[in-house]
Amino acid sequence: MTDESRSAVLVDFGGVITSSVLRAFTDFGASLGGDPRLPLELLRRDQPSRALLADHECGRIDTEAFERGFAERLRAHGADVSAEGLTARMQAGISIDRDMLALLDDLRAAGRPVALVSNSFGTGTYDGVELAAVADVIVISADVGIRKPSRRIYAIACERLGVDPGEAVMIDDLQQNLDGAARIGIGGVLHTSAADTRRQLAERFGITA
Protein backbone atom coordinates (compact mmCIF):
# COMPACT_ATOMS: atom_id res chain seq x y z
CA MET A 1 0.00 0.00 0.00
CA THR A 2 1.37 3.40 -0.97
CA ASP A 3 1.36 6.38 1.40
CA GLU A 4 0.90 9.17 -1.13
CA SER A 5 0.37 11.94 1.43
CA ARG A 6 4.11 12.63 1.47
CA SER A 7 5.88 14.91 -0.96
CA ALA A 8 9.00 16.30 0.77
CA VAL A 9 12.33 14.49 1.12
CA LEU A 10 14.92 14.78 3.90
CA VAL A 11 18.26 13.20 3.00
CA ASP A 12 21.42 12.27 4.87
CA PHE A 13 24.85 13.08 3.42
CA GLY A 14 27.49 10.56 4.58
CA GLY A 15 26.58 7.05 3.43
CA VAL A 16 23.73 8.28 1.21
CA ILE A 17 25.07 11.04 -1.04
CA THR A 18 28.47 9.42 -0.49
CA SER A 19 29.75 5.87 -0.44
CA SER A 20 29.65 4.01 2.87
CA VAL A 21 31.12 5.89 5.82
CA LEU A 22 31.17 2.66 7.82
CA ARG A 23 33.31 0.99 5.14
CA ALA A 24 35.67 3.97 5.06
CA PHE A 25 36.11 3.89 8.83
CA THR A 26 36.73 0.13 8.67
CA ASP A 27 39.33 0.61 5.92
CA PHE A 28 40.99 3.25 8.09
CA GLY A 29 40.98 0.79 11.01
CA ALA A 30 42.66 -1.81 8.81
CA SER A 31 45.37 0.72 7.90
CA LEU A 32 46.30 0.94 11.58
CA GLY A 33 47.40 -2.69 11.51
CA GLY A 34 45.08 -4.00 14.21
CA ASP A 35 41.37 -4.84 14.36
CA PRO A 36 39.75 -3.01 11.40
CA ARG A 37 36.60 -2.55 13.50
CA LEU A 38 38.37 -0.59 16.26
CA PRO A 39 37.43 2.99 15.21
CA LEU A 40 33.76 2.11 14.75
CA GLU A 41 33.62 0.03 17.92
CA LEU A 42 35.04 2.92 19.95
CA LEU A 43 32.59 5.41 18.45
CA ARG A 44 29.71 3.03 19.18
CA ARG A 45 30.61 1.61 22.59
CA ASP A 46 33.46 3.54 24.27
CA GLN A 47 31.87 6.25 26.39
CA PRO A 48 34.70 8.82 26.12
CA SER A 49 34.76 8.34 22.33
CA ARG A 50 30.97 8.60 22.12
CA ALA A 51 31.06 11.84 24.12
CA LEU A 52 33.76 13.27 21.84
CA LEU A 53 31.68 12.44 18.76
CA ALA A 54 28.50 13.93 20.23
CA ASP A 55 30.31 17.11 21.24
CA HIS A 56 31.93 17.41 17.81
CA GLU A 57 28.75 16.75 15.83
CA CYS A 58 26.87 19.33 17.91
CA GLY A 59 29.60 21.94 17.45
CA ARG A 60 30.63 22.05 21.11
CA ILE A 61 34.24 21.13 20.22
CA ASP A 62 36.11 21.76 16.98
CA THR A 63 37.72 19.22 14.68
CA GLU A 64 41.16 19.56 16.25
CA ALA A 65 39.82 18.88 19.74
CA PHE A 66 37.95 15.81 18.50
CA GLU A 67 41.06 14.56 16.70
CA ARG A 68 43.23 14.96 19.79
CA GLY A 69 40.72 13.18 22.00
CA PHE A 70 39.91 10.35 19.60
CA ALA A 71 43.59 9.75 18.80
CA GLU A 72 44.13 9.31 22.55
CA ARG A 73 41.31 6.76 22.70
CA LEU A 74 42.72 4.86 19.72
CA ARG A 75 46.20 4.84 21.28
CA ALA A 76 44.72 3.63 24.57
CA HIS A 77 43.47 0.61 22.62
CA GLY A 78 46.81 -0.15 20.99
CA ALA A 79 46.60 1.83 17.73
CA ASP A 80 49.64 3.90 16.75
CA VAL A 81 47.98 7.01 15.35
CA SER A 82 48.64 10.75 15.29
CA ALA A 83 45.92 13.32 15.87
CA GLU A 84 46.77 15.69 13.03
CA GLY A 85 44.44 15.22 10.09
CA LEU A 86 42.75 12.23 11.72
CA THR A 87 39.21 12.92 10.45
CA ALA A 88 40.46 13.44 6.90
CA ARG A 89 42.29 10.10 7.03
CA MET A 90 39.20 8.39 8.40
CA GLN A 91 37.16 9.73 5.48
CA ALA A 92 39.80 9.21 2.78
CA GLY A 93 37.95 6.31 1.18
CA ILE A 94 34.64 8.15 0.78
CA SER A 95 33.43 9.14 -2.68
CA ILE A 96 30.39 11.02 -3.99
CA ASP A 97 27.52 8.89 -5.35
CA ARG A 98 26.63 10.55 -8.65
CA ASP A 99 23.49 8.41 -8.97
CA MET A 100 22.15 9.88 -5.73
CA LEU A 101 22.93 13.40 -6.91
CA ALA A 102 20.98 12.62 -10.08
CA LEU A 103 18.02 11.33 -8.02
CA LEU A 104 17.96 14.49 -5.91
CA ASP A 105 18.18 16.63 -9.06
CA ASP A 106 15.24 14.71 -10.50
CA LEU A 107 13.18 15.10 -7.33
CA ARG A 108 13.72 18.85 -7.19
CA ALA A 109 13.01 19.22 -10.91
CA ALA A 110 9.70 17.44 -10.26
CA GLY A 111 8.83 20.00 -7.58
CA ARG A 112 9.69 17.82 -4.58
CA PRO A 113 11.24 19.94 -1.78
CA VAL A 114 14.51 18.46 -0.47
CA ALA A 115 16.33 19.12 2.82
CA LEU A 116 19.82 17.87 3.63
CA VAL A 117 19.98 16.70 7.28
CA SER A 118 23.53 15.74 8.19
CA ASN A 119 25.63 15.10 11.28
CA SER A 120 28.87 16.97 10.60
CA PHE A 121 32.24 15.26 11.01
CA GLY A 122 35.69 16.76 10.60
CA THR A 123 36.76 19.18 7.91
CA GLY A 124 36.24 18.73 4.20
CA THR A 125 33.24 16.42 4.63
CA TYR A 126 31.19 18.31 2.06
CA ASP A 127 34.02 19.11 -0.36
CA GLY A 128 33.22 18.33 -3.96
CA VAL A 129 29.48 18.94 -3.58
CA GLU A 130 27.72 22.28 -3.91
CA LEU A 131 25.16 21.75 -1.17
CA ALA A 132 22.86 24.52 -2.38
CA ALA A 133 22.59 22.65 -5.69
CA VAL A 134 21.64 19.42 -3.88
CA ALA A 135 18.90 20.61 -1.52
CA ASP A 136 16.53 23.51 -0.93
CA VAL A 137 17.37 23.56 2.78
CA ILE A 138 20.65 22.63 4.52
CA VAL A 139 20.58 21.49 8.16
CA ILE A 140 24.02 20.58 9.54
CA SER A 141 24.24 19.36 13.13
CA ALA A 142 27.12 21.61 14.18
CA ASP A 143 25.28 24.66 12.84
CA VAL A 144 22.08 24.01 14.80
CA GLY A 145 23.68 22.42 17.88
CA ILE A 146 21.56 19.26 17.58
CA ARG A 147 22.38 15.93 15.92
CA LYS A 148 20.43 13.00 14.57
CA PRO A 149 18.59 11.04 15.88
CA SER A 150 17.21 13.94 17.98
CA ARG A 151 13.66 14.74 16.93
CA ARG A 152 14.41 18.45 16.94
CA ILE A 153 16.82 18.38 13.99
CA TYR A 154 14.17 16.79 11.76
CA ALA A 155 11.59 19.29 12.97
CA ILE A 156 13.95 22.14 12.04
CA ALA A 157 14.32 20.71 8.53
CA CYS A 158 10.55 20.44 8.10
CA GLU A 159 10.01 23.95 9.45
CA ARG A 160 12.55 25.38 7.01
CA LEU A 161 10.95 23.50 4.12
CA GLY A 162 7.51 24.69 5.21
CA VAL A 163 6.07 21.17 5.44
CA ASP A 164 4.47 19.09 8.18
CA PRO A 165 6.50 16.03 9.30
CA GLY A 166 3.62 13.89 8.05
CA GLU A 167 4.39 15.14 4.56
CA ALA A 168 8.06 14.13 4.67
CA VAL A 169 10.27 11.08 4.12
CA MET A 170 13.81 10.70 5.53
CA ILE A 171 16.49 8.84 3.54
CA ASP A 172 19.33 7.55 5.74
CA ASP A 173 21.72 4.60 5.86
CA LEU A 174 21.33 4.20 9.64
CA GLN A 175 18.12 2.79 11.11
CA GLN A 176 18.58 4.73 14.35
CA ASN A 177 18.28 7.99 12.41
CA LEU A 178 15.11 6.82 10.70
CA ASP A 179 13.73 5.82 14.11
CA GLY A 180 14.37 9.34 15.39
CA ALA A 181 12.55 10.86 12.41
CA ALA A 182 9.65 8.42 12.83
CA ARG A 183 9.04 9.75 16.35
CA ILE A 184 7.60 12.93 14.83
CA GLY A 185 5.78 11.17 12.01
CA ILE A 186 8.35 11.26 9.21
CA GLY A 187 8.42 8.24 6.88
CA GLY A 188 11.70 6.39 6.38
CA VAL A 189 13.75 4.87 3.58
CA LEU A 190 16.78 2.80 4.66
CA HIS A 191 19.31 3.57 1.95
CA THR A 192 21.48 0.89 0.35
CA SER A 193 21.74 2.22 -3.21
CA ALA A 194 20.37 5.03 -5.35
CA ALA A 195 18.35 2.61 -7.46
CA ASP A 196 16.72 0.97 -4.42
CA THR A 197 16.00 4.33 -2.79
CA ARG A 198 14.39 5.59 -6.00
CA ARG A 199 12.25 2.43 -6.08
CA GLN A 200 11.24 2.71 -2.40
CA LEU A 201 10.25 6.36 -2.78
CA ALA A 202 8.01 5.51 -5.71
CA GLU A 203 6.52 2.23 -4.48
CA ARG A 204 6.01 3.08 -0.80
CA PHE A 205 5.34 6.80 -0.89
CA GLY A 206 4.36 7.63 -4.46
CA ILE A 207 7.30 10.06 -4.65
CA THR A 208 8.49 9.92 -8.23
CA ALA A 209 10.85 12.07 -10.21
C-alpha atoms as a PDB file:
ATOM      1  CA  MET A   1       0.000   0.000   0.000  1.00  0.00           C
ATOM      2  CA  THR A   2       1.368   3.402  -0.974  1.00  0.00           C
ATOM      3  CA  ASP A   3       1.362   6.375   1.396  1.00  0.00           C
ATOM      4  CA  GLU A   4       0.897   9.172  -1.135  1.00  0.00           C
ATOM      5  CA  SER A   5       0.371  11.935   1.433  1.00  0.00           C
ATOM      6  CA  ARG A   6       4.106  12.626   1.474  1.00  0.00           C
ATOM      7  CA  SER A   7       5.878  14.908  -0.959  1.00  0.00           C
ATOM      8  CA  ALA A   8       8.999  16.298   0.768  1.00  0.00           C
ATOM      9  CA  VAL A   9      12.327  14.487   1.118  1.00  0.00           C
ATOM     10  CA  LEU A  10      14.921  14.779   3.897  1.00  0.00           C
ATOM     11  CA  VAL A  11      18.261  13.195   3.001  1.00  0.00           C
ATOM     12  CA  ASP A  12      21.423  12.275   4.872  1.00  0.00           C
ATOM     13  CA  PHE A  13      24.854  13.077   3.420  1.00  0.00           C
ATOM     14  CA  GLY A  14      27.490  10.562   4.584  1.00  0.00           C
ATOM     15  CA  GLY A  15      26.580   7.051   3.432  1.00  0.00           C
ATOM     16  CA  VAL A  16      23.733   8.280   1.205  1.00  0.00           C
ATOM     17  CA  ILE A  17      25.068  11.039  -1.037  1.00  0.00           C
ATOM     18  CA  THR A  18      28.466   9.424  -0.490  1.00  0.00           C
ATOM     19  CA  SER A  19      29.754   5.875  -0.438  1.00  0.00           C
ATOM     20  CA  SER A  20      29.653   4.011   2.869  1.00  0.00           C
ATOM     21  CA  VAL A  21      31.122   5.894   5.820  1.00  0.00           C
ATOM     22  CA  LEU A  22      31.171   2.656   7.817  1.00  0.00           C
ATOM     23  CA  ARG A  23      33.306   0.989   5.142  1.00  0.00           C
ATOM     24  CA  ALA A  24      35.669   3.966   5.055  1.00  0.00           C
ATOM     25  CA  PHE A  25      36.108   3.887   8.832  1.00  0.00           C
ATOM     26  CA  THR A  26      36.730   0.133   8.673  1.00  0.00           C
ATOM     27  CA  ASP A  27      39.331   0.612   5.919  1.00  0.00           C
ATOM     28  CA  PHE A  28      40.987   3.248   8.093  1.00  0.00           C
ATOM     29  CA  GLY A  29      40.976   0.789  11.007  1.00  0.00           C
ATOM     30  CA  ALA A  30      42.659  -1.810   8.815  1.00  0.00           C
ATOM     31  CA  SER A  31      45.365   0.720   7.896  1.00  0.00           C
ATOM     32  CA  LEU A  32      46.303   0.937  11.582  1.00  0.00           C
ATOM     33  CA  GLY A  33      47.396  -2.689  11.508  1.00  0.00           C
ATOM     34  CA  GLY A  34      45.078  -4.001  14.211  1.00  0.00           C
ATOM     35  CA  ASP A  35      41.374  -4.836  14.357  1.00  0.00           C
ATOM     36  CA  PRO A  36      39.745  -3.007  11.405  1.00  0.00           C
ATOM     37  CA  ARG A  37      36.605  -2.546  13.498  1.00  0.00           C
ATOM     38  CA  LEU A  38      38.371  -0.591  16.262  1.00  0.00           C
ATOM     39  CA  PRO A  39      37.428   2.988  15.213  1.00  0.00           C
ATOM     40  CA  LEU A  40      33.760   2.106  14.751  1.00  0.00           C
ATOM     41  CA  GLU A  41      33.619   0.029  17.917  1.00  0.00           C
ATOM     42  CA  LEU A  42      35.043   2.921  19.946  1.00  0.00           C
ATOM     43  CA  LEU A  43      32.590   5.414  18.445  1.00  0.00           C
ATOM     44  CA  ARG A  44      29.711   3.032  19.176  1.00  0.00           C
ATOM     45  CA  ARG A  45      30.610   1.611  22.587  1.00  0.00           C
ATOM     46  CA  ASP A  46      33.458   3.537  24.271  1.00  0.00           C
ATOM     47  CA  GLN A  47      31.870   6.254  26.394  1.00  0.00           C
ATOM     48  CA  PRO A  48      34.703   8.816  26.117  1.00  0.00           C
ATOM     49  CA  SER A  49      34.759   8.339  22.326  1.00  0.00           C
ATOM     50  CA  ARG A  50      30.967   8.599  22.117  1.00  0.00           C
ATOM     51  CA  ALA A  51      31.064  11.838  24.120  1.00  0.00           C
ATOM     52  CA  LEU A  52      33.759  13.267  21.839  1.00  0.00           C
ATOM     53  CA  LEU A  53      31.683  12.436  18.760  1.00  0.00           C
ATOM     54  CA  ALA A  54      28.498  13.933  20.225  1.00  0.00           C
ATOM     55  CA  ASP A  55      30.315  17.115  21.240  1.00  0.00           C
ATOM     56  CA  HIS A  56      31.931  17.408  17.813  1.00  0.00           C
ATOM     57  CA  GLU A  57      28.753  16.753  15.832  1.00  0.00           C
ATOM     58  CA  CYS A  58      26.869  19.332  17.915  1.00  0.00           C
ATOM     59  CA  GLY A  59      29.595  21.943  17.451  1.00  0.00           C
ATOM     60  CA  ARG A  60      30.634  22.053  21.108  1.00  0.00           C
ATOM     61  CA  ILE A  61      34.243  21.125  20.222  1.00  0.00           C
ATOM     62  CA  ASP A  62      36.108  21.764  16.982  1.00  0.00           C
ATOM     63  CA  THR A  63      37.721  19.220  14.677  1.00  0.00           C
ATOM     64  CA  GLU A  64      41.163  19.557  16.254  1.00  0.00           C
ATOM     65  CA  ALA A  65      39.815  18.880  19.744  1.00  0.00           C
ATOM     66  CA  PHE A  66      37.952  15.807  18.499  1.00  0.00           C
ATOM     67  CA  GLU A  67      41.057  14.558  16.697  1.00  0.00           C
ATOM     68  CA  ARG A  68      43.227  14.965  19.788  1.00  0.00           C
ATOM     69  CA  GLY A  69      40.719  13.182  22.001  1.00  0.00           C
ATOM     70  CA  PHE A  70      39.911  10.353  19.601  1.00  0.00           C
ATOM     71  CA  ALA A  71      43.587   9.753  18.801  1.00  0.00           C
ATOM     72  CA  GLU A  72      44.134   9.314  22.548  1.00  0.00           C
ATOM     73  CA  ARG A  73      41.312   6.756  22.703  1.00  0.00           C
ATOM     74  CA  LEU A  74      42.719   4.858  19.716  1.00  0.00           C
ATOM     75  CA  ARG A  75      46.199   4.842  21.276  1.00  0.00           C
ATOM     76  CA  ALA A  76      44.724   3.635  24.565  1.00  0.00           C
ATOM     77  CA  HIS A  77      43.471   0.614  22.619  1.00  0.00           C
ATOM     78  CA  GLY A  78      46.809  -0.149  20.992  1.00  0.00           C
ATOM     79  CA  ALA A  79      46.600   1.831  17.729  1.00  0.00           C
ATOM     80  CA  ASP A  80      49.638   3.897  16.753  1.00  0.00           C
ATOM     81  CA  VAL A  81      47.981   7.014  15.353  1.00  0.00           C
ATOM     82  CA  SER A  82      48.641  10.746  15.290  1.00  0.00           C
ATOM     83  CA  ALA A  83      45.924  13.319  15.873  1.00  0.00           C
ATOM     84  CA  GLU A  84      46.767  15.690  13.033  1.00  0.00           C
ATOM     85  CA  GLY A  85      44.436  15.221  10.089  1.00  0.00           C
ATOM     86  CA  LEU A  86      42.745  12.234  11.716  1.00  0.00           C
ATOM     87  CA  THR A  87      39.206  12.920  10.453  1.00  0.00           C
ATOM     88  CA  ALA A  88      40.460  13.439   6.905  1.00  0.00           C
ATOM     89  CA  ARG A  89      42.294  10.101   7.033  1.00  0.00           C
ATOM     90  CA  MET A  90      39.199   8.389   8.400  1.00  0.00           C
ATOM     91  CA  GLN A  91      37.158   9.734   5.475  1.00  0.00           C
ATOM     92  CA  ALA A  92      39.803   9.214   2.781  1.00  0.00           C
ATOM     93  CA  GLY A  93      37.945   6.306   1.181  1.00  0.00           C
ATOM     94  CA  ILE A  94      34.641   8.147   0.784  1.00  0.00           C
ATOM     95  CA  SER A  95      33.432   9.143  -2.682  1.00  0.00           C
ATOM     96  CA  ILE A  96      30.392  11.019  -3.990  1.00  0.00           C
ATOM     97  CA  ASP A  97      27.523   8.886  -5.353  1.00  0.00           C
ATOM     98  CA  ARG A  98      26.627  10.551  -8.645  1.00  0.00           C
ATOM     99  CA  ASP A  99      23.494   8.410  -8.974  1.00  0.00           C
ATOM    100  CA  MET A 100      22.153   9.882  -5.725  1.00  0.00           C
ATOM    101  CA  LEU A 101      22.930  13.402  -6.907  1.00  0.00           C
ATOM    102  CA  ALA A 102      20.979  12.618 -10.078  1.00  0.00           C
ATOM    103  CA  LEU A 103      18.023  11.330  -8.023  1.00  0.00           C
ATOM    104  CA  LEU A 104      17.961  14.488  -5.913  1.00  0.00           C
ATOM    105  CA  ASP A 105      18.177  16.626  -9.055  1.00  0.00           C
ATOM    106  CA  ASP A 106      15.237  14.707 -10.505  1.00  0.00           C
ATOM    107  CA  LEU A 107      13.181  15.104  -7.328  1.00  0.00           C
ATOM    108  CA  ARG A 108      13.723  18.854  -7.192  1.00  0.00           C
ATOM    109  CA  ALA A 109      13.009  19.220 -10.913  1.00  0.00           C
ATOM    110  CA  ALA A 110       9.700  17.444 -10.261  1.00  0.00           C
ATOM    111  CA  GLY A 111       8.830  20.003  -7.581  1.00  0.00           C
ATOM    112  CA  ARG A 112       9.685  17.824  -4.578  1.00  0.00           C
ATOM    113  CA  PRO A 113      11.244  19.937  -1.784  1.00  0.00           C
ATOM    114  CA  VAL A 114      14.508  18.457  -0.467  1.00  0.00           C
ATOM    115  CA  ALA A 115      16.331  19.121   2.823  1.00  0.00           C
ATOM    116  CA  LEU A 116      19.819  17.869   3.631  1.00  0.00           C
ATOM    117  CA  VAL A 117      19.979  16.702   7.276  1.00  0.00           C
ATOM    118  CA  SER A 118      23.529  15.735   8.192  1.00  0.00           C
ATOM    119  CA  ASN A 119      25.632  15.099  11.284  1.00  0.00           C
ATOM    120  CA  SER A 120      28.871  16.974  10.605  1.00  0.00           C
ATOM    121  CA  PHE A 121      32.243  15.262  11.014  1.00  0.00           C
ATOM    122  CA  GLY A 122      35.687  16.765  10.598  1.00  0.00           C
ATOM    123  CA  THR A 123      36.756  19.176   7.910  1.00  0.00           C
ATOM    124  CA  GLY A 124      36.236  18.731   4.204  1.00  0.00           C
ATOM    125  CA  THR A 125      33.236  16.420   4.629  1.00  0.00           C
ATOM    126  CA  TYR A 126      31.192  18.310   2.056  1.00  0.00           C
ATOM    127  CA  ASP A 127      34.019  19.113  -0.358  1.00  0.00           C
ATOM    128  CA  GLY A 128      33.223  18.327  -3.959  1.00  0.00           C
ATOM    129  CA  VAL A 129      29.479  18.937  -3.577  1.00  0.00           C
ATOM    130  CA  GLU A 130      27.717  22.283  -3.910  1.00  0.00           C
ATOM    131  CA  LEU A 131      25.160  21.751  -1.175  1.00  0.00           C
ATOM    132  CA  ALA A 132      22.858  24.519  -2.385  1.00  0.00           C
ATOM    133  CA  ALA A 133      22.586  22.650  -5.690  1.00  0.00           C
ATOM    134  CA  VAL A 134      21.644  19.417  -3.884  1.00  0.00           C
ATOM    135  CA  ALA A 135      18.899  20.613  -1.523  1.00  0.00           C
ATOM    136  CA  ASP A 136      16.529  23.513  -0.931  1.00  0.00           C
ATOM    137  CA  VAL A 137      17.368  23.562   2.778  1.00  0.00           C
ATOM    138  CA  ILE A 138      20.651  22.632   4.516  1.00  0.00           C
ATOM    139  CA  VAL A 139      20.576  21.492   8.163  1.00  0.00           C
ATOM    140  CA  ILE A 140      24.023  20.583   9.541  1.00  0.00           C
ATOM    141  CA  SER A 141      24.237  19.361  13.132  1.00  0.00           C
ATOM    142  CA  ALA A 142      27.124  21.613  14.185  1.00  0.00           C
ATOM    143  CA  ASP A 143      25.280  24.661  12.836  1.00  0.00           C
ATOM    144  CA  VAL A 144      22.079  24.007  14.797  1.00  0.00           C
ATOM    145  CA  GLY A 145      23.682  22.416  17.877  1.00  0.00           C
ATOM    146  CA  ILE A 146      21.564  19.256  17.577  1.00  0.00           C
ATOM    147  CA  ARG A 147      22.383  15.931  15.918  1.00  0.00           C
ATOM    148  CA  LYS A 148      20.434  13.000  14.571  1.00  0.00           C
ATOM    149  CA  PRO A 149      18.588  11.042  15.882  1.00  0.00           C
ATOM    150  CA  SER A 150      17.211  13.942  17.981  1.00  0.00           C
ATOM    151  CA  ARG A 151      13.656  14.740  16.930  1.00  0.00           C
ATOM    152  CA  ARG A 152      14.415  18.454  16.942  1.00  0.00           C
ATOM    153  CA  ILE A 153      16.823  18.380  13.992  1.00  0.00           C
ATOM    154  CA  TYR A 154      14.169  16.788  11.757  1.00  0.00           C
ATOM    155  CA  ALA A 155      11.591  19.286  12.972  1.00  0.00           C
ATOM    156  CA  ILE A 156      13.945  22.144  12.036  1.00  0.00           C
ATOM    157  CA  ALA A 157      14.319  20.713   8.529  1.00  0.00           C
ATOM    158  CA  CYS A 158      10.554  20.437   8.096  1.00  0.00           C
ATOM    159  CA  GLU A 159      10.010  23.951   9.454  1.00  0.00           C
ATOM    160  CA  ARG A 160      12.547  25.381   7.014  1.00  0.00           C
ATOM    161  CA  LEU A 161      10.946  23.504   4.117  1.00  0.00           C
ATOM    162  CA  GLY A 162       7.507  24.692   5.212  1.00  0.00           C
ATOM    163  CA  VAL A 163       6.072  21.168   5.443  1.00  0.00           C
ATOM    164  CA  ASP A 164       4.475  19.093   8.180  1.00  0.00           C
ATOM    165  CA  PRO A 165       6.499  16.025   9.305  1.00  0.00           C
ATOM    166  CA  GLY A 166       3.619  13.888   8.053  1.00  0.00           C
ATOM    167  CA  GLU A 167       4.389  15.142   4.560  1.00  0.00           C
ATOM    168  CA  ALA A 168       8.064  14.127   4.669  1.00  0.00           C
ATOM    169  CA  VAL A 169      10.274  11.076   4.116  1.00  0.00           C
ATOM    170  CA  MET A 170      13.808  10.700   5.530  1.00  0.00           C
ATOM    171  CA  ILE A 171      16.486   8.839   3.543  1.00  0.00           C
ATOM    172  CA  ASP A 172      19.328   7.554   5.742  1.00  0.00           C
ATOM    173  CA  ASP A 173      21.717   4.598   5.855  1.00  0.00           C
ATOM    174  CA  LEU A 174      21.335   4.201   9.638  1.00  0.00           C
ATOM    175  CA  GLN A 175      18.123   2.790  11.111  1.00  0.00           C
ATOM    176  CA  GLN A 176      18.579   4.730  14.354  1.00  0.00           C
ATOM    177  CA  ASN A 177      18.285   7.992  12.414  1.00  0.00           C
ATOM    178  CA  LEU A 178      15.109   6.817  10.701  1.00  0.00           C
ATOM    179  CA  ASP A 179      13.728   5.818  14.107  1.00  0.00           C
ATOM    180  CA  GLY A 180      14.365   9.344  15.387  1.00  0.00           C
ATOM    181  CA  ALA A 181      12.551  10.858  12.407  1.00  0.00           C
ATOM    182  CA  ALA A 182       9.651   8.421  12.826  1.00  0.00           C
ATOM    183  CA  ARG A 183       9.042   9.745  16.345  1.00  0.00           C
ATOM    184  CA  ILE A 184       7.602  12.927  14.832  1.00  0.00           C
ATOM    185  CA  GLY A 185       5.780  11.170  12.010  1.00  0.00           C
ATOM    186  CA  ILE A 186       8.352  11.264   9.207  1.00  0.00           C
ATOM    187  CA  GLY A 187       8.423   8.235   6.881  1.00  0.00           C
ATOM    188  CA  GLY A 188      11.698   6.387   6.383  1.00  0.00           C
ATOM    189  CA  VAL A 189      13.752   4.869   3.575  1.00  0.00           C
ATOM    190  CA  LEU A 190      16.776   2.795   4.660  1.00  0.00           C
ATOM    191  CA  HIS A 191      19.312   3.566   1.953  1.00  0.00           C
ATOM    192  CA  THR A 192      21.478   0.889   0.353  1.00  0.00           C
ATOM    193  CA  SER A 193      21.736   2.215  -3.210  1.00  0.00           C
ATOM    194  CA  ALA A 194      20.372   5.030  -5.348  1.00  0.00           C
ATOM    195  CA  ALA A 195      18.346   2.611  -7.461  1.00  0.00           C
ATOM    196  CA  ASP A 196      16.724   0.974  -4.420  1.00  0.00           C
ATOM    197  CA  THR A 197      15.996   4.329  -2.789  1.00  0.00           C
ATOM    198  CA  ARG A 198      14.386   5.594  -5.998  1.00  0.00           C
ATOM    199  CA  ARG A 199      12.251   2.429  -6.077  1.00  0.00           C
ATOM    200  CA  GLN A 200      11.239   2.706  -2.401  1.00  0.00           C
ATOM    201  CA  LEU A 201      10.246   6.357  -2.777  1.00  0.00           C
ATOM    202  CA  ALA A 202       8.014   5.509  -5.712  1.00  0.00           C
ATOM    203  CA  GLU A 203       6.518   2.233  -4.475  1.00  0.00           C
ATOM    204  CA  ARG A 204       6.012   3.078  -0.797  1.00  0.00           C
ATOM    205  CA  PHE A 205       5.343   6.802  -0.891  1.00  0.00           C
ATOM    206  CA  GLY A 206       4.355   7.635  -4.456  1.00  0.00           C
ATOM    207  CA  ILE A 207       7.302  10.056  -4.645  1.00  0.00           C
ATOM    208  CA  THR A 208       8.494   9.925  -8.232  1.00  0.00           C
ATOM    209  CA  ALA A 209      10.847  12.069 -10.211  1.00  0.00           C
END
